[in-house]
Amino acid sequence: MIIDQSLDVWVWLAFLLFLIVIAARAWVVETGRERLGRTPVKVKVLTATTVVVLLGLTGLVVMQGGYLLIESIITGTDPSTTVYGPDPDAPADPGAPADPNAPADPNAPAAPPAGG
């Protein structure tokens, strides 16, 4: 999965649009003149717009790493290894067998003499 950082702007713009539409809907509902009765058309339109914007925002978030986050929570893996690969500076597994082709460690204590 590749996360395109240039699309982050669109995620934030969609979130801002979502907040604006929610605020507009709340303002229309609170300032509406009709106390009882049917729901005004403006509220219905703004509710539908809110749902559409929320679906678009959800799609953008999933596309930009939301799926990776959910997958890493379920599987217990590190999401950065999926994006960037394994960490070359990470310590080796202490339980792994030693590499026979690795150079000898100059700081390792000397082996005891054989037969003695």
C-alpha atoms as a PDB file:
ATOM      1  CA  MET A   1       0.000   0.000   0.000  1.00  0.00           C
ATOM      2  CA  ILE A   2       1.363   3.378  -1.004  1.00  0.00           C
ATOM      3  CA  ILE A   3       0.290   6.484   0.901  1.00  0.00           C
ATOM      4  CA  ASP A   4       0.305   9.532  -1.349  1.00  0.00           C
ATOM      5  CA  GLN A   5       1.178  12.520   0.813  1.00  0.00           C
ATOM      6  CA  SER A   6      -0.126  14.968  -1.794  1.00  0.00           C
ATOM      7  CA  LEU A   7      -3.648  13.625  -1.148  1.00  0.00           C
ATOM      8  CA  ASP A   8      -3.475  14.618   2.528  1.00  0.00           C
ATOM      9  CA  VAL A   9      -4.584  18.117   1.519  1.00  0.00           C
ATOM     10  CA  TRP A  10      -7.789  16.652   0.088  1.00  0.00           C
ATOM     11  CA  VAL A  11      -8.463  14.749   3.293  1.00  0.00           C
ATOM     12  CA  TRP A  12      -8.201  17.951   5.334  1.00  0.00           C
ATOM     13  CA  LEU A  13     -10.306  19.897   2.836  1.00  0.00           C
ATOM     14  CA  ALA A  14     -12.990  17.204   2.933  1.00  0.00           C
ATOM     15  CA  PHE A  15     -12.928  17.331   6.744  1.00  0.00           C
ATOM     16  CA  LEU A  16     -13.276  21.132   6.656  1.00  0.00           C
ATOM     17  CA  LEU A  17     -16.190  20.821   4.215  1.00  0.00           C
ATOM     18  CA  PHE A  18     -17.805  18.261   6.525  1.00  0.00           C
ATOM     19  CA  LEU A  19     -17.548  20.665   9.487  1.00  0.00           C
ATOM     20  CA  ILE A  20     -18.989  23.523   7.419  1.00  0.00           C
ATOM     21  CA  VAL A  21     -21.953  21.429   6.231  1.00  0.00           C
ATOM     22  CA  ILE A  22     -22.652  20.161   9.765  1.00  0.00           C
ATOM     23  CA  ALA A  23     -22.497  23.712  11.106  1.00  0.00           C
ATOM     24  CA  ALA A  24     -24.817  24.978   8.351  1.00  0.00           C
ATOM     25  CA  ARG A  25     -27.315  22.197   9.079  1.00  0.00           C
ATOM     26  CA  ALA A  26     -27.223  22.936  12.806  1.00  0.00           C
ATOM     27  CA  TRP A  27     -27.766  26.630  12.117  1.00  0.00           C
ATOM     28  CA  VAL A  28     -30.732  25.936   9.810  1.00  0.00           C
ATOM     29  CA  VAL A  29     -32.306  23.581  12.356  1.00  0.00           C
ATOM     30  CA  GLU A  30     -31.827  25.980  15.270  1.00  0.00           C
ATOM     31  CA  THR A  31     -33.032  29.073  13.438  1.00  0.00           C
ATOM     32  CA  GLY A  32     -35.962  27.368  11.695  1.00  0.00           C
ATOM     33  CA  ARG A  33     -39.306  29.091  12.171  1.00  0.00           C
ATOM     34  CA  GLU A  34     -41.407  25.940  12.166  1.00  0.00           C
ATOM     35  CA  ARG A  35     -41.805  24.611  15.683  1.00  0.00           C
ATOM     36  CA  LEU A  36     -43.697  21.439  14.884  1.00  0.00           C
ATOM     37  CA  GLY A  37     -44.572  19.693  11.687  1.00  0.00           C
ATOM     38  CA  ARG A  38     -42.617  18.515   8.721  1.00  0.00           C
ATOM     39  CA  THR A  39     -38.860  18.780   8.315  1.00  0.00           C
ATOM     40  CA  PRO A  40     -37.873  21.743   6.133  1.00  0.00           C
ATOM     41  CA  VAL A  41     -36.431  20.972   2.706  1.00  0.00           C
ATOM     42  CA  LYS A  42     -33.216  22.831   3.589  1.00  0.00           C
ATOM     43  CA  VAL A  43     -32.566  20.442   6.476  1.00  0.00           C
ATOM     44  CA  LYS A  44     -33.175  17.411   4.277  1.00  0.00           C
ATOM     45  CA  VAL A  45     -30.801  18.730   1.614  1.00  0.00           C
ATOM     46  CA  LEU A  46     -28.117  19.546   4.176  1.00  0.00           C
ATOM     47  CA  THR A  47     -28.533  16.116   5.799  1.00  0.00           C
ATOM     48  CA  ALA A  48     -28.067  14.406   2.432  1.00  0.00           C
ATOM     49  CA  THR A  49     -25.056  16.620   1.705  1.00  0.00           C
ATOM     50  CA  THR A  50     -23.579  15.716   5.093  1.00  0.00           C
ATOM     51  CA  VAL A  51     -23.912  12.007   4.328  1.00  0.00           C
ATOM     52  CA  VAL A  52     -22.275  12.413   0.904  1.00  0.00           C
ATOM     53  CA  VAL A  53     -19.385  14.461   2.316  1.00  0.00           C
ATOM     54  CA  LEU A  54     -18.917  11.974   5.178  1.00  0.00           C
ATOM     55  CA  LEU A  55     -18.777   9.057   2.719  1.00  0.00           C
ATOM     56  CA  GLY A  56     -16.195  10.918   0.632  1.00  0.00           C
ATOM     57  CA  LEU A  57     -14.156  11.750   3.723  1.00  0.00           C
ATOM     58  CA  THR A  58     -14.289   8.120   4.860  1.00  0.00           C
ATOM     59  CA  GLY A  59     -13.125   6.959   1.445  1.00  0.00           C
ATOM     60  CA  LEU A  60     -10.207   9.391   1.471  1.00  0.00           C
ATOM     61  CA  VAL A  61      -9.152   8.383   4.987  1.00  0.00           C
ATOM     62  CA  VAL A  62      -9.293   4.693   4.093  1.00  0.00           C
ATOM     63  CA  MET A  63      -7.313   5.361   0.935  1.00  0.00           C
ATOM     64  CA  GLN A  64      -4.689   7.332   2.853  1.00  0.00           C
ATOM     65  CA  GLY A  65      -3.855   4.687   5.427  1.00  0.00           C
ATOM     66  CA  GLY A  66      -7.020   3.933   7.346  1.00  0.00           C
ATOM     67  CA  TYR A  67      -7.049   0.408   5.968  1.00  0.00           C
ATOM     68  CA  LEU A  68      -3.413   0.024   7.013  1.00  0.00           C
ATOM     69  CA  LEU A  69      -4.276   1.205  10.536  1.00  0.00           C
ATOM     70  CA  ILE A  70      -7.165  -1.251  10.902  1.00  0.00           C
ATOM     71  CA  GLU A  71      -5.054  -4.090   9.513  1.00  0.00           C
ATOM     72  CA  SER A  72      -2.192  -3.330  11.908  1.00  0.00           C
ATOM     73  CA  ILE A  73      -4.568  -3.238  14.891  1.00  0.00           C
ATOM     74  CA  ILE A  74      -6.127  -6.578  13.951  1.00  0.00           C
ATOM     75  CA  THR A  75      -2.860  -8.361  13.153  1.00  0.00           C
ATOM     76  CA  GLY A  76      -0.699  -6.620  15.772  1.00  0.00           C
ATOM     77  CA  THR A  77       1.940  -5.589  13.234  1.00  0.00           C
ATOM     78  CA  ASP A  78       3.843  -2.339  12.844  1.00  0.00           C
ATOM     79  CA  PRO A  79       2.296  -0.315   9.980  1.00  0.00           C
ATOM     80  CA  SER A  80       5.578   1.453   9.235  1.00  0.00           C
ATOM     81  CA  THR A  81       7.169  -1.823   8.120  1.00  0.00           C
ATOM     82  CA  THR A  82       4.425  -2.204   5.522  1.00  0.00           C
ATOM     83  CA  VAL A  83       5.028   1.292   4.182  1.00  0.00           C
ATOM     84  CA  TYR A  84       8.803   1.645   4.558  1.00  0.00           C
ATOM     85  CA  GLY A  85       9.973  -1.979   4.803  1.00  0.00           C
ATOM     86  CA  PRO A  86      11.817  -3.590   7.713  1.00  0.00           C
ATOM     87  CA  ASP A  87      13.982  -1.358   9.907  1.00  0.00           C
ATOM     88  CA  PRO A  88      17.651  -2.021   9.102  1.00  0.00           C
ATOM     89  CA  ASP A  89      18.725  -0.605  12.492  1.00  0.00           C
ATOM     90  CA  ALA A  90      16.457  -2.910  14.473  1.00  0.00           C
ATOM     91  CA  PRO A  91      18.292  -5.330  16.758  1.00  0.00           C
ATOM     92  CA  ALA A  92      18.513  -8.895  15.598  1.00  0.00           C
ATOM     93  CA  ASP A  93      16.298 -11.539  17.127  1.00  0.00           C
ATOM     94  CA  PRO A  94      18.299 -12.972  20.079  1.00  0.00           C
ATOM     95  CA  GLY A  95      16.733 -16.393  19.592  1.00  0.00           C
ATOM     96  CA  ALA A  96      17.740 -16.612  15.929  1.00  0.00           C
ATOM     97  CA  PRO A  97      20.642 -18.898  15.021  1.00  0.00           C
ATOM     98  CA  ALA A  98      23.982 -17.206  14.448  1.00  0.00           C
ATOM     99  CA  ASP A  99      24.972 -16.449  10.886  1.00  0.00           C
ATOM    100  CA  PRO A 100      27.987 -18.645  10.066  1.00  0.00           C
ATOM    101  CA  ASN A 101      29.123 -16.163   7.397  1.00  0.00           C
ATOM    102  CA  ALA A 102      29.130 -13.175   9.744  1.00  0.00           C
ATOM    103  CA  PRO A 103      32.542 -11.722  10.635  1.00  0.00           C
ATOM    104  CA  ALA A 104      33.883 -12.512  14.088  1.00  0.00           C
ATOM    105  CA  ASP A 105      33.178  -9.936  16.791  1.00  0.00           C
ATOM    106  CA  PRO A 106      36.525  -8.387  17.850  1.00  0.00           C
ATOM    107  CA  ASN A 107      35.071  -7.494  21.271  1.00  0.00           C
ATOM    108  CA  ALA A 108      33.906 -11.016  22.049  1.00  0.00           C
ATOM    109  CA  PRO A 109      35.779 -12.831  24.865  1.00  0.00           C
ATOM    110  CA  ALA A 110      38.368 -15.334  23.740  1.00  0.00           C
ATOM    111  CA  ALA A 111      37.276 -18.950  23.593  1.00  0.00           C
ATOM    112  CA  PRO A 112      38.868 -21.213  26.232  1.00  0.00           C
ATOM    113  CA  PRO A 113      41.696 -23.395  24.921  1.00  0.00           C
ATOM    114  CA  ALA A 114      40.637 -26.823  23.759  1.00  0.00           C
ATOM    115  CA  GLY A 115      41.594 -29.876  25.824  1.00  0.00           C
ATOM    116  CA  GLY A 116      42.697 -28.107  28.850  1.00  0.00           C
END
